[in-house]
Amino acid sequence: MLYYHPIYSALALPKHHRFPISKYQKLYQRLNNNKFAEHIKQPEQKITRDALLLCHDSGYVDAFLAGTLSDKAIKRMGFPWSRQLVERTLISLGGSLAAAEYALTHGIAANLSGGYHHAHREFGSGFCIFNDWVVVAATLIAQQQAEKVLIFDCDVHQGDGTAALAKGRDDIVTCSIHCESNFPRIKPNSDLDFALPVGTEDKQYLETVQEAITLATRIHQPDIILYNAGADIYHGDELGHFNISLEGVYTRDSIVIDCAVTQNTPLAIALGGGYQRNIDQLIDVHQQTFLALLGNPAIMI
């Protein structure tokens, strides 16, 4: 099941804003024209304040919801505050939770948004307001739907917020494969970090992904994998610094999907980052995740 809501792209941003907000709608349209059409639905619930408070500071949560954040906090967040942004944020996190819950029952699901791994306990950062995968992991554990959750992050940027929020928790395992010389400047330690150099190409990258997912699942035996499938590893990404081909993106996602299927571990996927002004080309990269799903013979779509 794929979760999508029109509000994912319905956010008014200033002209020339760096975030490619239209990519969600365009990816939905692309997927809706192929075999995924009957498997796309809207999230039925927003994330709740109580769920957010499992990970985030109440003062920060309430200030965001009420629109009383400081100008400095809004600037660090990366989006101008609006009531529309609040709705989008709550619905998007609801989509990530819905995907995880569906995956626990049916094996695999995706949210056509999410991957907000730069959000910290008391502040948002890098276009991330609340950290969806950590909130989802904490929710599943609090509701006794899972005992151990692996957050497997293949966005080109290190999941600093994810690492910081899950620090000290044995039940949420964090693994990040990222560019060593890229945002964020300060990179807290994940449980497993694989920092690769600028210009990393397919062979080294894919070997690292295979090593990382094998190691993380063998050691920790998670009840579910929450996967951040960032498209910004692609060589044409304007904020990336890796040199990964389109075929490399497809193979990366195939490795993660195959590992989950082979081990019979539920897998939930979030879209993650991707920054190209050529939106159609960006959608080509994000689409590799879903082509990899179609390409796995064990997944019936």
C-alpha atoms as a PDB file:
ATOM      1  CA  MET A   1       0.000   0.000   0.000  1.00  0.00           C
ATOM      2  CA  LEU A   2       1.198   3.522  -0.850  1.00  0.00           C
ATOM      3  CA  TYR A   3      -0.049   6.496   1.161  1.00  0.00           C
ATOM      4  CA  TYR A   4      -0.478   9.882  -0.490  1.00  0.00           C
ATOM      5  CA  HIS A   5      -2.421  13.060   0.237  1.00  0.00           C
ATOM      6  CA  PRO A   6      -2.780  16.079  -2.074  1.00  0.00           C
ATOM      7  CA  ILE A   7      -1.642  18.338   0.757  1.00  0.00           C
ATOM      8  CA  TYR A   8       1.867  16.896   0.432  1.00  0.00           C
ATOM      9  CA  SER A   9       2.412  19.278  -2.499  1.00  0.00           C
ATOM     10  CA  ALA A  10      -0.205  21.898  -1.552  1.00  0.00           C
ATOM     11  CA  LEU A  11       2.106  24.250   0.308  1.00  0.00           C
ATOM     12  CA  ALA A  12       2.553  27.855  -0.723  1.00  0.00           C
ATOM     13  CA  LEU A  13       6.265  28.683  -0.714  1.00  0.00           C
ATOM     14  CA  PRO A  14       8.123  31.860  -1.678  1.00  0.00           C
ATOM     15  CA  LYS A  15       9.270  32.129  -5.266  1.00  0.00           C
ATOM     16  CA  HIS A  16      12.618  30.371  -5.846  1.00  0.00           C
ATOM     17  CA  HIS A  17      12.317  28.446  -2.552  1.00  0.00           C
ATOM     18  CA  ARG A  18      14.827  25.591  -2.609  1.00  0.00           C
ATOM     19  CA  PHE A  19      12.434  22.801  -1.650  1.00  0.00           C
ATOM     20  CA  PRO A  20      10.830  20.991  -4.658  1.00  0.00           C
ATOM     21  CA  ILE A  21       7.351  20.853  -3.141  1.00  0.00           C
ATOM     22  CA  SER A  22       5.655  19.726  -6.364  1.00  0.00           C
ATOM     23  CA  LYS A  23       7.549  16.430  -6.465  1.00  0.00           C
ATOM     24  CA  TYR A  24       4.995  14.553  -4.335  1.00  0.00           C
ATOM     25  CA  GLN A  25       2.079  15.278  -6.639  1.00  0.00           C
ATOM     26  CA  LYS A  26       4.116  14.527  -9.736  1.00  0.00           C
ATOM     27  CA  LEU A  27       5.346  11.224  -8.325  1.00  0.00           C
ATOM     28  CA  TYR A  28       1.775  10.312  -7.386  1.00  0.00           C
ATOM     29  CA  GLN A  29       0.629  11.061 -10.924  1.00  0.00           C
ATOM     30  CA  ARG A  30       3.444   8.953 -12.357  1.00  0.00           C
ATOM     31  CA  LEU A  31       2.658   5.996 -10.093  1.00  0.00           C
ATOM     32  CA  ASN A  32      -1.094   6.371 -10.529  1.00  0.00           C
ATOM     33  CA  ASN A  33      -0.642   5.722 -14.248  1.00  0.00           C
ATOM     34  CA  ASN A  34       0.883   2.284 -13.757  1.00  0.00           C
ATOM     35  CA  LYS A  35       0.347  -0.844 -11.704  1.00  0.00           C
ATOM     36  CA  PHE A  36       0.239   1.075  -8.424  1.00  0.00           C
ATOM     37  CA  ALA A  37      -3.029   2.901  -9.130  1.00  0.00           C
ATOM     38  CA  GLU A  38      -5.249   0.594  -7.079  1.00  0.00           C
ATOM     39  CA  HIS A  39      -2.751   0.487  -4.223  1.00  0.00           C
ATOM     40  CA  ILE A  40      -2.651   4.212  -3.391  1.00  0.00           C
ATOM     41  CA  LYS A  41      -4.811   5.612  -0.613  1.00  0.00           C
ATOM     42  CA  GLN A  42      -4.963   8.686   1.594  1.00  0.00           C
ATOM     43  CA  PRO A  43      -3.881   8.534   5.238  1.00  0.00           C
ATOM     44  CA  GLU A  44      -7.015   8.400   7.350  1.00  0.00           C
ATOM     45  CA  GLN A  45      -5.581  10.068  10.448  1.00  0.00           C
ATOM     46  CA  LYS A  46      -3.223  12.878  11.366  1.00  0.00           C
ATOM     47  CA  ILE A  47      -0.431  12.214  13.807  1.00  0.00           C
ATOM     48  CA  THR A  48      -1.537  13.181  17.307  1.00  0.00           C
ATOM     49  CA  ARG A  49       0.060  15.602  19.725  1.00  0.00           C
ATOM     50  CA  ASP A  50       0.528  12.734  22.188  1.00  0.00           C
ATOM     51  CA  ALA A  51       2.495  10.796  19.580  1.00  0.00           C
ATOM     52  CA  LEU A  52       4.707  13.796  18.873  1.00  0.00           C
ATOM     53  CA  LEU A  53       5.413  14.177  22.594  1.00  0.00           C
ATOM     54  CA  LEU A  54       6.919  10.696  22.678  1.00  0.00           C
ATOM     55  CA  CYS A  55       9.961  12.270  21.003  1.00  0.00           C
ATOM     56  CA  HIS A  56       9.620  16.040  20.844  1.00  0.00           C
ATOM     57  CA  ASP A  57       9.623  18.778  23.482  1.00  0.00           C
ATOM     58  CA  SER A  58       6.131  19.964  24.387  1.00  0.00           C
ATOM     59  CA  GLY A  59       7.123  23.626  24.168  1.00  0.00           C
ATOM     60  CA  TYR A  60       8.386  23.167  20.626  1.00  0.00           C
ATOM     61  CA  VAL A  61       5.385  21.090  19.553  1.00  0.00           C
ATOM     62  CA  ASP A  62       2.882  23.582  20.933  1.00  0.00           C
ATOM     63  CA  ALA A  63       4.717  26.592  19.522  1.00  0.00           C
ATOM     64  CA  PHE A  64       4.685  25.039  16.056  1.00  0.00           C
ATOM     65  CA  LEU A  65       1.019  24.085  16.272  1.00  0.00           C
ATOM     66  CA  ALA A  66       0.040  27.547  17.515  1.00  0.00           C
ATOM     67  CA  GLY A  67       2.299  29.517  15.195  1.00  0.00           C
ATOM     68  CA  THR A  68       4.384  31.109  17.946  1.00  0.00           C
ATOM     69  CA  LEU A  69       7.836  29.907  16.925  1.00  0.00           C
ATOM     70  CA  SER A  70      10.592  32.508  16.884  1.00  0.00           C
ATOM     71  CA  ASP A  71      11.849  33.874  13.577  1.00  0.00           C
ATOM     72  CA  LYS A  72      15.145  32.094  14.233  1.00  0.00           C
ATOM     73  CA  ALA A  73      13.385  28.762  14.738  1.00  0.00           C
ATOM     74  CA  ILE A  74      11.349  29.228  11.552  1.00  0.00           C
ATOM     75  CA  LYS A  75      14.452  30.071   9.561  1.00  0.00           C
ATOM     76  CA  ARG A  76      16.224  26.962  10.852  1.00  0.00           C
ATOM     77  CA  MET A  77      13.167  24.859   9.999  1.00  0.00           C
ATOM     78  CA  GLY A  78      13.396  25.968   6.379  1.00  0.00           C
ATOM     79  CA  PHE A  79       9.711  26.626   5.695  1.00  0.00           C
ATOM     80  CA  PRO A  80       7.685  29.759   6.444  1.00  0.00           C
ATOM     81  CA  TRP A  81       5.073  28.933   9.082  1.00  0.00           C
ATOM     82  CA  SER A  82       1.445  28.695   7.988  1.00  0.00           C
ATOM     83  CA  ARG A  83      -1.691  26.873   9.060  1.00  0.00           C
ATOM     84  CA  GLN A  84      -1.343  24.914   5.832  1.00  0.00           C
ATOM     85  CA  LEU A  85       2.134  23.794   6.910  1.00  0.00           C
ATOM     86  CA  VAL A  86       0.713  22.521  10.199  1.00  0.00           C
ATOM     87  CA  GLU A  87      -1.944  20.476   8.396  1.00  0.00           C
ATOM     88  CA  ARG A  88       0.563  19.126   5.907  1.00  0.00           C
ATOM     89  CA  THR A  89       2.967  18.124   8.662  1.00  0.00           C
ATOM     90  CA  LEU A  90       0.388  16.284  10.749  1.00  0.00           C
ATOM     91  CA  ILE A  91      -1.066  14.476   7.735  1.00  0.00           C
ATOM     92  CA  SER A  92       2.375  13.538   6.407  1.00  0.00           C
ATOM     93  CA  LEU A  93       3.394  11.989   9.723  1.00  0.00           C
ATOM     94  CA  GLY A  94       0.035  10.241   9.797  1.00  0.00           C
ATOM     95  CA  GLY A  95       0.945   8.763   6.423  1.00  0.00           C
ATOM     96  CA  SER A  96       4.242   7.448   7.762  1.00  0.00           C
ATOM     97  CA  LEU A  97       2.496   5.841  10.732  1.00  0.00           C
ATOM     98  CA  ALA A  98      -0.164   4.325   8.456  1.00  0.00           C
ATOM     99  CA  ALA A  99       2.545   2.854   6.219  1.00  0.00           C
ATOM    100  CA  ALA A 100       4.351   1.297   9.181  1.00  0.00           C
ATOM    101  CA  GLU A 101       1.175  -0.193  10.630  1.00  0.00           C
ATOM    102  CA  TYR A 102       0.171  -1.591   7.241  1.00  0.00           C
ATOM    103  CA  ALA A 103       3.639  -3.078   6.780  1.00  0.00           C
ATOM    104  CA  LEU A 104       3.431  -4.844  10.138  1.00  0.00           C
ATOM    105  CA  THR A 105       0.335  -6.681   8.943  1.00  0.00           C
ATOM    106  CA  HIS A 106       0.970  -7.055   5.213  1.00  0.00           C
ATOM    107  CA  GLY A 107       4.750  -6.920   4.863  1.00  0.00           C
ATOM    108  CA  ILE A 108       5.491  -3.704   2.984  1.00  0.00           C
ATOM    109  CA  ALA A 109       4.119  -0.192   2.480  1.00  0.00           C
ATOM    110  CA  ALA A 110       5.331   3.307   1.629  1.00  0.00           C
ATOM    111  CA  ASN A 111       4.476   6.924   2.341  1.00  0.00           C
ATOM    112  CA  LEU A 112       4.921   9.229  -0.658  1.00  0.00           C
ATOM    113  CA  SER A 113       6.412  11.782   1.737  1.00  0.00           C
ATOM    114  CA  GLY A 114       8.378  11.546   4.988  1.00  0.00           C
ATOM    115  CA  GLY A 115      11.980  10.897   5.868  1.00  0.00           C
ATOM    116  CA  TYR A 116      12.229  13.995   8.089  1.00  0.00           C
ATOM    117  CA  HIS A 117      15.464  12.962   9.732  1.00  0.00           C
ATOM    118  CA  HIS A 118      16.891  16.414  10.581  1.00  0.00           C
ATOM    119  CA  ALA A 119      14.154  17.227  13.110  1.00  0.00           C
ATOM    120  CA  HIS A 120      15.446  17.277  16.695  1.00  0.00           C
ATOM    121  CA  ARG A 121      13.677  17.177  20.029  1.00  0.00           C
ATOM    122  CA  GLU A 122      13.382  20.946  20.434  1.00  0.00           C
ATOM    123  CA  PHE A 123      13.730  22.311  16.912  1.00  0.00           C
ATOM    124  CA  GLY A 124      13.166  21.647  13.242  1.00  0.00           C
ATOM    125  CA  SER A 125      15.956  21.805  10.690  1.00  0.00           C
ATOM    126  CA  GLY A 126      16.645  21.239   7.005  1.00  0.00           C
ATOM    127  CA  PHE A 127      12.985  21.155   5.872  1.00  0.00           C
ATOM    128  CA  CYS A 128      12.167  18.687   8.685  1.00  0.00           C
ATOM    129  CA  ILE A 129       9.729  19.750  11.407  1.00  0.00           C
ATOM    130  CA  PHE A 130       8.971  16.553  13.314  1.00  0.00           C
ATOM    131  CA  ASN A 131      10.989  13.347  12.915  1.00  0.00           C
ATOM    132  CA  ASP A 132       8.474  10.949  11.408  1.00  0.00           C
ATOM    133  CA  TRP A 133      10.393   7.697  11.640  1.00  0.00           C
ATOM    134  CA  VAL A 134      11.421   8.208  15.272  1.00  0.00           C
ATOM    135  CA  VAL A 135       7.874   9.251  16.196  1.00  0.00           C
ATOM    136  CA  VAL A 136       6.543   6.196  14.368  1.00  0.00           C
ATOM    137  CA  ALA A 137       9.076   3.877  16.010  1.00  0.00           C
ATOM    138  CA  ALA A 138       8.264   5.217  19.480  1.00  0.00           C
ATOM    139  CA  THR A 139       4.535   4.908  18.774  1.00  0.00           C
ATOM    140  CA  LEU A 140       4.773   1.293  17.631  1.00  0.00           C
ATOM    141  CA  ILE A 141       6.814   0.430  20.719  1.00  0.00           C
ATOM    142  CA  ALA A 142       4.507   2.316  23.104  1.00  0.00           C
ATOM    143  CA  GLN A 143       1.512   0.531  21.617  1.00  0.00           C
ATOM    144  CA  GLN A 144       3.313  -2.841  21.845  1.00  0.00           C
ATOM    145  CA  GLN A 145       3.113  -3.344  18.097  1.00  0.00           C
ATOM    146  CA  ALA A 146       6.893  -3.796  17.999  1.00  0.00           C
ATOM    147  CA  GLU A 147       9.705  -4.377  20.474  1.00  0.00           C
ATOM    148  CA  LYS A 148      12.662  -3.317  18.318  1.00  0.00           C
ATOM    149  CA  VAL A 149      12.658  -0.999  15.297  1.00  0.00           C
ATOM    150  CA  LEU A 150      15.459  -0.373  12.800  1.00  0.00           C
ATOM    151  CA  ILE A 151      15.587   3.034  11.117  1.00  0.00           C
ATOM    152  CA  PHE A 152      17.682   2.484   7.993  1.00  0.00           C
ATOM    153  CA  ASP A 153      18.601   5.832   6.461  1.00  0.00           C
ATOM    154  CA  CYS A 154      20.044   6.025   2.943  1.00  0.00           C
ATOM    155  CA  ASP A 155      19.499   9.732   2.370  1.00  0.00           C
ATOM    156  CA  VAL A 156      22.768  11.388   1.312  1.00  0.00           C
ATOM    157  CA  HIS A 157      22.616  13.588   4.420  1.00  0.00           C
ATOM    158  CA  GLN A 158      23.243  12.049   7.823  1.00  0.00           C
ATOM    159  CA  GLY A 159      20.154  11.548   9.990  1.00  0.00           C
ATOM    160  CA  ASP A 160      21.346  13.793  12.795  1.00  0.00           C
ATOM    161  CA  GLY A 161      17.938  14.318  14.357  1.00  0.00           C
ATOM    162  CA  THR A 162      17.202  10.606  14.221  1.00  0.00           C
ATOM    163  CA  ALA A 163      20.502   9.774  15.912  1.00  0.00           C
ATOM    164  CA  ALA A 164      19.990  12.380  18.642  1.00  0.00           C
ATOM    165  CA  LEU A 165      16.367  11.440  19.363  1.00  0.00           C
ATOM    166  CA  ALA A 166      17.062   7.704  19.576  1.00  0.00           C
ATOM    167  CA  LYS A 167      20.244   8.043  21.631  1.00  0.00           C
ATOM    168  CA  GLY A 168      20.161   5.782  24.661  1.00  0.00           C
ATOM    169  CA  ARG A 169      17.252   3.690  23.383  1.00  0.00           C
ATOM    170  CA  ASP A 170      17.992   0.016  22.821  1.00  0.00           C
ATOM    171  CA  ASP A 171      14.609  -0.498  21.169  1.00  0.00           C
ATOM    172  CA  ILE A 172      15.197   1.992  18.323  1.00  0.00           C
ATOM    173  CA  VAL A 173      18.292   1.177  16.243  1.00  0.00           C
ATOM    174  CA  THR A 174      19.616   3.851  13.893  1.00  0.00           C
ATOM    175  CA  CYS A 175      21.760   3.248  10.822  1.00  0.00           C
ATOM    176  CA  SER A 176      22.840   6.011   8.433  1.00  0.00           C
ATOM    177  CA  ILE A 177      24.733   5.761   5.131  1.00  0.00           C
ATOM    178  CA  HIS A 178      25.666   9.275   4.055  1.00  0.00           C
ATOM    179  CA  CYS A 179      28.213  11.654   2.583  1.00  0.00           C
ATOM    180  CA  GLU A 180      30.844  12.523   5.168  1.00  0.00           C
ATOM    181  CA  SER A 181      31.264  16.095   3.870  1.00  0.00           C
ATOM    182  CA  ASN A 182      27.733  17.424   3.614  1.00  0.00           C
ATOM    183  CA  PHE A 183      24.907  18.858   5.725  1.00  0.00           C
ATOM    184  CA  PRO A 184      24.566  18.658   8.697  1.00  0.00           C
ATOM    185  CA  ARG A 185      27.855  20.056   9.945  1.00  0.00           C
ATOM    186  CA  ILE A 186      27.494  18.336  13.344  1.00  0.00           C
ATOM    187  CA  LYS A 187      26.688  14.642  12.993  1.00  0.00           C
ATOM    188  CA  PRO A 188      25.684  12.884  16.235  1.00  0.00           C
ATOM    189  CA  ASN A 189      26.552   9.216  16.362  1.00  0.00           C
ATOM    190  CA  SER A 190      23.962   6.778  15.065  1.00  0.00           C
ATOM    191  CA  ASP A 191      24.166   3.192  16.300  1.00  0.00           C
ATOM    192  CA  LEU A 192      25.727   2.455  12.905  1.00  0.00           C
ATOM    193  CA  ASP A 193      27.212   5.185  10.709  1.00  0.00           C
ATOM    194  CA  PHE A 194      28.706   4.611   7.269  1.00  0.00           C
ATOM    195  CA  ALA A 195      30.232   7.902   6.141  1.00  0.00           C
ATOM    196  CA  LEU A 196      31.385   7.842   2.510  1.00  0.00           C
ATOM    197  CA  PRO A 197      33.511  10.405   0.649  1.00  0.00           C
ATOM    198  CA  VAL A 198      32.378  13.005  -1.857  1.00  0.00           C
ATOM    199  CA  GLY A 199      32.161  11.455  -5.315  1.00  0.00           C
ATOM    200  CA  THR A 200      31.356   7.931  -4.105  1.00  0.00           C
ATOM    201  CA  GLU A 201      30.287   5.766  -7.063  1.00  0.00           C
ATOM    202  CA  ASP A 202      27.995   2.771  -7.446  1.00  0.00           C
ATOM    203  CA  LYS A 203      30.340  -0.098  -6.530  1.00  0.00           C
ATOM    204  CA  GLN A 204      31.536   1.262  -3.181  1.00  0.00           C
ATOM    205  CA  TYR A 205      28.108   2.605  -2.303  1.00  0.00           C
ATOM    206  CA  LEU A 206      26.178  -0.583  -3.049  1.00  0.00           C
ATOM    207  CA  GLU A 207      28.722  -2.751  -1.229  1.00  0.00           C
ATOM    208  CA  THR A 208      28.280  -0.493   1.791  1.00  0.00           C
ATOM    209  CA  VAL A 209      24.470  -0.704   1.640  1.00  0.00           C
ATOM    210  CA  GLN A 210      24.625  -4.496   1.485  1.00  0.00           C
ATOM    211  CA  GLU A 211      27.079  -4.622   4.377  1.00  0.00           C
ATOM    212  CA  ALA A 212      25.044  -2.182   6.468  1.00  0.00           C
ATOM    213  CA  ILE A 213      21.611  -3.776   6.047  1.00  0.00           C
ATOM    214  CA  THR A 214      23.030  -7.264   6.586  1.00  0.00           C
ATOM    215  CA  LEU A 215      24.901  -6.205   9.724  1.00  0.00           C
ATOM    216  CA  ALA A 216      22.032  -4.190  11.196  1.00  0.00           C
ATOM    217  CA  THR A 217      19.415  -6.886  10.720  1.00  0.00           C
ATOM    218  CA  ARG A 218      21.685  -9.750  11.819  1.00  0.00           C
ATOM    219  CA  ILE A 219      22.753  -8.059  15.027  1.00  0.00           C
ATOM    220  CA  HIS A 220      19.478  -6.408  16.033  1.00  0.00           C
ATOM    221  CA  GLN A 221      16.748  -8.659  14.559  1.00  0.00           C
ATOM    222  CA  PRO A 222      14.226  -5.804  14.199  1.00  0.00           C
ATOM    223  CA  ASP A 223      10.473  -6.329  14.142  1.00  0.00           C
ATOM    224  CA  ILE A 224      10.214  -3.735  11.354  1.00  0.00           C
ATOM    225  CA  ILE A 225      12.544  -1.689   9.154  1.00  0.00           C
ATOM    226  CA  LEU A 226      11.706   1.981   8.609  1.00  0.00           C
ATOM    227  CA  TYR A 227      13.587   2.956   5.460  1.00  0.00           C
ATOM    228  CA  ASN A 228      14.490   6.465   4.315  1.00  0.00           C
ATOM    229  CA  ALA A 229      14.971   6.077   0.543  1.00  0.00           C
ATOM    230  CA  GLY A 230      16.500   9.466  -0.224  1.00  0.00           C
ATOM    231  CA  ALA A 231      16.849  10.288  -3.929  1.00  0.00           C
ATOM    232  CA  ASP A 232      19.636  12.766  -3.238  1.00  0.00           C
ATOM    233  CA  ILE A 233      22.359  10.130  -3.620  1.00  0.00           C
ATOM    234  CA  TYR A 234      21.889  10.476  -7.401  1.00  0.00           C
ATOM    235  CA  HIS A 235      24.790  12.101  -9.262  1.00  0.00           C
ATOM    236  CA  GLY A 236      22.541  14.851 -10.646  1.00  0.00           C
ATOM    237  CA  ASP A 237      21.290  15.988  -7.251  1.00  0.00           C
ATOM    238  CA  GLU A 238      22.155  19.600  -6.518  1.00  0.00           C
ATOM    239  CA  LEU A 239      22.640  19.035  -2.760  1.00  0.00           C
ATOM    240  CA  GLY A 240      24.106  15.554  -2.882  1.00  0.00           C
ATOM    241  CA  HIS A 241      27.843  15.171  -3.701  1.00  0.00           C
ATOM    242  CA  PHE A 242      27.671  11.453  -4.526  1.00  0.00           C
ATOM    243  CA  ASN A 243      28.103  10.043  -8.036  1.00  0.00           C
ATOM    244  CA  ILE A 244      25.442   7.324  -8.035  1.00  0.00           C
ATOM    245  CA  SER A 245      23.741   6.314 -11.286  1.00  0.00           C
ATOM    246  CA  LEU A 246      20.014   5.797 -11.779  1.00  0.00           C
ATOM    247  CA  GLU A 247      20.699   2.062 -11.919  1.00  0.00           C
ATOM    248  CA  GLY A 248      22.585   2.410  -8.637  1.00  0.00           C
ATOM    249  CA  VAL A 249      19.550   3.954  -6.952  1.00  0.00           C
ATOM    250  CA  TYR A 250      17.400   1.072  -8.222  1.00  0.00           C
ATOM    251  CA  THR A 251      19.902  -1.508  -6.973  1.00  0.00           C
ATOM    252  CA  ARG A 252      20.181   0.159  -3.562  1.00  0.00           C
ATOM    253  CA  ASP A 253      16.424  -0.042  -3.075  1.00  0.00           C
ATOM    254  CA  SER A 254      16.368  -3.605  -4.391  1.00  0.00           C
ATOM    255  CA  ILE A 255      18.980  -4.600  -1.797  1.00  0.00           C
ATOM    256  CA  VAL A 256      16.917  -3.188   1.070  1.00  0.00           C
ATOM    257  CA  ILE A 257      13.646  -4.647  -0.223  1.00  0.00           C
ATOM    258  CA  ASP A 258      15.198  -8.060  -0.867  1.00  0.00           C
ATOM    259  CA  CYS A 259      16.704  -8.151   2.621  1.00  0.00           C
ATOM    260  CA  ALA A 260      13.336  -7.404   4.213  1.00  0.00           C
ATOM    261  CA  VAL A 261      11.505  -9.945   2.036  1.00  0.00           C
ATOM    262  CA  THR A 262      14.116 -12.674   2.528  1.00  0.00           C
ATOM    263  CA  GLN A 263      14.106 -12.238   6.304  1.00  0.00           C
ATOM    264  CA  ASN A 264      10.324 -11.815   6.434  1.00  0.00           C
ATOM    265  CA  THR A 265      10.760  -8.457   8.158  1.00  0.00           C
ATOM    266  CA  PRO A 266       8.083  -5.790   7.609  1.00  0.00           C
ATOM    267  CA  LEU A 267       9.363  -2.777   5.648  1.00  0.00           C
ATOM    268  CA  ALA A 268       7.951   0.747   5.570  1.00  0.00           C
ATOM    269  CA  ILE A 269       9.436   3.259   3.128  1.00  0.00           C
ATOM    270  CA  ALA A 270       9.584   7.047   3.269  1.00  0.00           C
ATOM    271  CA  LEU A 271      10.491   9.154   0.250  1.00  0.00           C
ATOM    272  CA  GLY A 272      13.336  11.170   1.780  1.00  0.00           C
ATOM    273  CA  GLY A 273      15.285  13.985   0.147  1.00  0.00           C
ATOM    274  CA  GLY A 274      15.847  14.859  -3.476  1.00  0.00           C
ATOM    275  CA  TYR A 275      16.804  18.279  -4.823  1.00  0.00           C
ATOM    276  CA  GLN A 276      16.760  18.919  -8.541  1.00  0.00           C
ATOM    277  CA  ARG A 277      15.153  21.869 -10.268  1.00  0.00           C
ATOM    278  CA  ASN A 278      14.294  19.522 -13.131  1.00  0.00           C
ATOM    279  CA  ILE A 279      11.314  17.929 -11.399  1.00  0.00           C
ATOM    280  CA  ASP A 280      10.699  15.276 -14.050  1.00  0.00           C
ATOM    281  CA  GLN A 281      14.274  14.082 -13.681  1.00  0.00           C
ATOM    282  CA  LEU A 282      13.892  14.082  -9.900  1.00  0.00           C
ATOM    283  CA  ILE A 283      10.763  11.932 -10.221  1.00  0.00           C
ATOM    284  CA  ASP A 284      12.766   9.500 -12.371  1.00  0.00           C
ATOM    285  CA  VAL A 285      15.064   9.015  -9.376  1.00  0.00           C
ATOM    286  CA  HIS A 286      12.322   8.676  -6.740  1.00  0.00           C
ATOM    287  CA  GLN A 287      10.495   6.254  -9.023  1.00  0.00           C
ATOM    288  CA  GLN A 288      13.359   3.751  -8.788  1.00  0.00           C
ATOM    289  CA  THR A 289      12.151   2.771  -5.319  1.00  0.00           C
ATOM    290  CA  PHE A 290       8.797   1.706  -6.703  1.00  0.00           C
ATOM    291  CA  LEU A 291      10.270   0.033  -9.758  1.00  0.00           C
ATOM    292  CA  ALA A 292      12.365  -1.992  -7.326  1.00  0.00           C
ATOM    293  CA  LEU A 293       9.169  -3.051  -5.577  1.00  0.00           C
ATOM    294  CA  LEU A 294       7.721  -4.159  -8.905  1.00  0.00           C
ATOM    295  CA  GLY A 295      10.947  -5.964  -9.699  1.00  0.00           C
ATOM    296  CA  ASN A 296      10.874  -8.171  -6.597  1.00  0.00           C
ATOM    297  CA  PRO A 297       9.120 -11.441  -7.541  1.00  0.00           C
ATOM    298  CA  ALA A 298       7.987 -12.032  -3.950  1.00  0.00           C
ATOM    299  CA  ILE A 299       5.913  -8.843  -3.883  1.00  0.00           C
ATOM    300  CA  MET A 300       2.538  -9.115  -5.537  1.00  0.00           C
ATOM    301  CA  ILE A 301       1.321  -5.766  -6.940  1.00  0.00           C
END
